[in-house]
Amino acid sequence: MIRINLLATERRGAKAAAKGFQAGQKITVIGSLIVVLAAAGIGWRYWALGQQQASLERGIDAATREEQRLAAILKEVQEFEARKLRLEARVALIDELRKGQTAPVHMIDQISRSLPEMTWLTGLRQESFNITIQGRCLTLTSLSDFVGNLEATRYFQRPVEILDSAVIAGDGKSPDLIGFTIRGTFQMAGAEPPPPPARKGASRGGKLG
């Protein structure tokens, strides 16, 4: 008679099922842990990126405020420079006007002091620092003295030129006079006269042999 131990078979099946159930639980737990860890990593990464973005935004805001502050300072500096240039131009204009007011008075004073006796002026024309004087005198000596006196003042550059001179006949009741035209360059302290024009016909490259 054959005997089959069904109880042992059932026990072995139960043990195998228990082992399979435990393995499934382990896999589930491990999978759950992996999902939790992945979610935690993603959450941490998202938080770190948010912190980095907030830090960058704070830096951009600070840089923007600094740029605005520097732009305001730069604008003030530019306004100051423009104001400085305007003031310098005004000061230069005032100095020029002062020189322009002083020079004619001083020039007339020097000319009047240089006039010899029996010498009269009939015209005076000023072009920049060049002065053309017209007048009359009794003798050529007076004309020569007048030119010498102007050069001696050191306010007229040498030489003071005699452009022309001619005898003006009297009407019988008055003596003959000498009409003259002279030209000189007036200069004062602080006023630089323009350079003399180049003479026409001046040789270039040395003398011709």
Protein backbone atom coordinates (compact mmCIF):
# COMPACT_ATOMS: atom_id res chain seq x y z
CA MET A 1 0.00 0.00 0.00
CA ILE A 2 1.46 3.40 -1.05
CA ARG A 3 1.31 6.27 1.42
CA ILE A 4 1.58 9.92 0.32
CA ASN A 5 2.50 12.56 2.86
CA LEU A 6 0.16 15.35 1.75
CA LEU A 7 0.82 17.35 4.89
CA ALA A 8 4.51 17.78 4.05
CA THR A 9 3.65 18.82 0.52
CA GLU A 10 1.21 21.41 1.77
CA ARG A 11 3.79 22.73 4.21
CA ARG A 12 6.38 23.08 1.46
CA GLY A 13 3.86 24.94 -0.76
CA ALA A 14 2.96 27.27 2.08
CA LYS A 15 6.61 28.02 2.71
CA ALA A 16 7.20 28.75 -0.99
CA ALA A 17 4.20 31.05 -1.13
CA ALA A 18 5.40 32.86 1.99
CA LYS A 19 8.81 33.32 0.48
CA GLY A 20 7.30 34.70 -2.75
CA PHE A 21 5.11 37.10 -0.80
CA GLN A 22 8.09 38.35 1.18
CA ALA A 23 10.10 38.89 -2.02
CA GLY A 24 7.21 40.88 -3.51
CA GLN A 25 7.00 42.99 -0.37
CA LYS A 26 10.73 43.66 -0.53
CA ILE A 27 10.48 44.72 -4.17
CA THR A 28 7.54 46.96 -3.35
CA VAL A 29 9.35 48.54 -0.44
CA ILE A 30 12.51 49.03 -2.49
CA GLY A 31 10.49 50.56 -5.34
CA SER A 32 8.69 52.82 -2.90
CA LEU A 33 12.03 53.91 -1.43
CA ILE A 34 13.38 54.62 -4.90
CA VAL A 35 10.29 56.70 -5.73
CA VAL A 36 10.56 58.58 -2.43
CA LEU A 37 14.27 59.23 -2.91
CA ALA A 38 13.69 60.37 -6.51
CA ALA A 39 10.91 62.69 -5.39
CA ALA A 40 13.12 64.03 -2.60
CA GLY A 41 15.98 64.62 -5.07
CA ILE A 42 13.71 66.37 -7.53
CA GLY A 43 12.24 68.47 -4.72
CA TRP A 44 15.71 69.43 -3.45
CA ARG A 45 16.86 70.27 -6.96
CA TYR A 46 13.77 72.40 -7.52
CA TRP A 47 14.34 74.18 -4.22
CA ALA A 48 18.05 74.77 -5.06
CA LEU A 49 17.14 76.15 -8.48
CA GLY A 50 14.55 78.42 -6.87
CA GLN A 51 17.15 79.70 -4.40
CA GLN A 52 19.63 80.25 -7.23
CA GLN A 53 17.02 82.10 -9.29
CA ALA A 54 16.10 84.27 -6.30
CA SER A 55 19.78 85.05 -5.72
CA LEU A 56 20.23 85.97 -9.39
CA GLU A 57 17.16 88.17 -9.29
CA ARG A 58 18.47 89.93 -6.18
CA GLY A 59 21.81 90.44 -7.94
CA ILE A 60 20.08 91.83 -11.05
CA ASP A 61 17.98 94.17 -8.92
CA ALA A 62 21.09 95.38 -7.08
CA ALA A 63 22.96 95.86 -10.38
CA THR A 64 19.98 97.77 -11.82
CA ARG A 65 19.84 100.06 -8.81
CA GLU A 66 23.60 100.62 -9.01
CA GLU A 67 23.33 101.37 -12.73
CA GLN A 68 20.59 103.90 -12.06
CA ARG A 69 22.66 105.50 -9.30
CA LEU A 70 25.75 105.71 -11.53
CA ALA A 71 23.63 107.08 -14.40
CA ALA A 72 22.38 109.84 -12.11
CA ILE A 73 25.93 110.61 -10.99
CA LEU A 74 27.16 110.59 -14.61
CA LYS A 75 24.36 112.98 -15.57
CA GLU A 76 25.36 115.31 -12.73
CA VAL A 77 29.00 115.16 -13.85
CA GLN A 78 28.03 115.94 -17.45
CA GLU A 79 25.88 118.86 -16.30
CA PHE A 80 28.76 120.09 -14.16
CA GLU A 81 31.18 119.86 -17.08
CA ALA A 82 28.75 121.71 -19.36
CA ARG A 83 28.24 124.38 -16.69
CA LYS A 84 32.01 124.64 -16.26
CA LEU A 85 32.52 125.10 -20.00
CA ARG A 86 29.84 127.81 -20.10
CA LEU A 87 31.43 129.61 -17.17
CA GLU A 88 34.89 129.37 -18.76
CA ALA A 89 33.48 130.76 -22.01
CA ARG A 90 31.86 133.63 -20.11
CA VAL A 91 35.09 134.38 -18.24
CA ALA A 92 37.05 134.32 -21.51
CA LEU A 93 34.48 136.62 -23.10
CA ILE A 94 34.63 139.02 -20.15
CA ASP A 95 38.44 139.06 -20.30
CA GLU A 96 38.30 139.67 -24.05
CA LEU A 97 35.82 142.49 -23.57
CA ARG A 98 37.99 144.01 -20.88
CA LYS A 99 40.99 143.86 -23.17
CA GLY A 100 38.88 145.28 -25.98
CA GLN A 101 37.74 148.14 -23.77
CA THR A 102 41.21 148.89 -22.46
CA ALA A 103 43.21 148.57 -25.66
CA PRO A 104 41.56 151.38 -27.67
CA VAL A 105 41.81 153.82 -24.77
CA HIS A 106 45.45 152.97 -24.20
CA MET A 107 46.16 153.08 -27.93
CA ILE A 108 44.66 156.58 -28.30
CA ASP A 109 46.62 157.70 -25.25
CA GLN A 110 49.92 156.44 -26.70
CA ILE A 111 49.21 158.02 -30.09
CA SER A 112 48.32 161.39 -28.54
CA ARG A 113 51.46 161.32 -26.39
CA SER A 114 53.57 160.60 -29.49
CA LEU A 115 52.25 163.55 -31.54
CA PRO A 116 54.92 166.23 -32.07
CA GLU A 117 53.98 169.88 -32.16
CA MET A 118 52.16 171.13 -35.25
CA THR A 119 50.98 167.64 -36.18
CA TRP A 120 47.28 166.77 -36.54
CA LEU A 121 45.38 163.59 -37.14
CA THR A 122 42.58 163.43 -39.67
CA GLY A 123 41.73 159.73 -39.61
CA LEU A 124 42.36 156.50 -37.74
CA ARG A 125 41.31 152.99 -38.79
CA GLN A 126 41.80 149.78 -36.82
CA GLU A 127 41.74 146.29 -38.31
CA SER A 128 42.49 143.75 -35.61
CA PHE A 129 45.81 145.01 -34.21
CA ASN A 130 46.79 146.89 -37.36
CA ILE A 131 46.34 150.67 -37.06
CA THR A 132 46.29 153.04 -40.04
CA ILE A 133 46.72 156.71 -39.14
CA GLN A 134 46.17 159.68 -41.44
CA GLY A 135 47.21 163.21 -40.58
CA ARG A 136 48.97 166.42 -41.52
CA CYS A 137 52.09 168.17 -40.32
CA LEU A 138 54.23 171.17 -41.25
CA THR A 139 57.51 169.41 -41.95
CA LEU A 140 58.85 165.99 -42.79
CA THR A 141 60.84 166.20 -39.57
CA SER A 142 57.58 166.23 -37.60
CA LEU A 143 56.42 163.15 -39.50
CA SER A 144 59.71 161.38 -38.77
CA ASP A 145 59.50 162.36 -35.10
CA PHE A 146 55.93 161.04 -34.92
CA VAL A 147 56.97 157.66 -36.31
CA GLY A 148 59.98 157.52 -33.99
CA ASN A 149 57.85 158.40 -30.97
CA LEU A 150 55.35 155.63 -31.77
CA GLU A 151 58.13 153.06 -32.04
CA ALA A 152 59.69 154.33 -28.79
CA THR A 153 56.49 153.61 -26.84
CA ARG A 154 57.13 149.86 -27.35
CA TYR A 155 53.40 149.46 -27.83
CA PHE A 156 53.86 149.58 -31.59
CA GLN A 157 55.87 146.91 -33.32
CA ARG A 158 58.82 148.05 -35.33
CA PRO A 159 58.79 149.29 -37.94
CA VAL A 160 55.93 151.79 -38.15
CA GLU A 161 55.58 152.24 -41.92
CA ILE A 162 55.02 155.50 -43.78
CA LEU A 163 52.64 154.45 -46.54
CA ASP A 164 52.59 157.81 -48.32
CA SER A 165 53.21 161.51 -47.83
CA ALA A 166 52.30 164.43 -50.09
CA VAL A 167 52.42 168.21 -49.96
CA ILE A 168 49.04 169.89 -49.60
CA ALA A 169 49.25 173.42 -50.92
CA GLY A 170 47.88 176.19 -48.76
CA ASP A 171 45.31 178.74 -49.85
CA GLY A 172 47.62 181.73 -49.36
CA LYS A 173 46.44 182.37 -45.84
CA SER A 174 47.71 179.08 -44.46
CA PRO A 175 51.10 177.41 -45.08
CA ASP A 176 51.62 174.32 -47.14
CA LEU A 177 51.07 171.10 -45.20
CA ILE A 178 52.28 167.56 -45.59
CA GLY A 179 49.55 164.92 -45.63
CA PHE A 180 50.66 161.45 -44.54
CA THR A 181 49.41 157.95 -43.95
CA ILE A 182 51.26 155.60 -41.62
CA ARG A 183 50.56 152.07 -40.45
CA GLY A 184 51.67 150.15 -37.38
CA THR A 185 50.76 147.13 -35.27
CA PHE A 186 49.60 147.90 -31.76
CA GLN A 187 50.28 145.42 -28.95
CA MET A 188 49.51 145.33 -25.25
CA ALA A 189 50.46 143.07 -22.36
CA GLY A 190 48.27 139.98 -22.60
CA ALA A 191 47.24 140.70 -26.20
CA GLU A 192 49.07 138.70 -28.83
CA PRO A 193 49.04 140.36 -32.23
CA PRO A 194 48.42 138.16 -35.27
CA PRO A 195 51.49 136.96 -37.16
CA PRO A 196 52.56 139.25 -40.02
CA PRO A 197 51.42 138.11 -43.46
CA ALA A 198 53.98 136.44 -45.69
CA ARG A 199 55.60 138.80 -48.15
CA LYS A 200 54.65 138.29 -51.75
CA GLY A 201 57.39 137.17 -54.04
CA ALA A 202 59.54 135.75 -51.21
CA SER A 203 61.96 133.17 -52.56
CA ARG A 204 61.44 129.54 -51.60
CA GLY A 205 64.15 127.06 -50.98
CA GLY A 206 66.94 129.61 -50.49
CA LYS A 207 68.51 132.17 -52.77
CA LEU A 208 68.74 131.66 -56.44
CA GLY A 209 72.25 131.47 -57.76
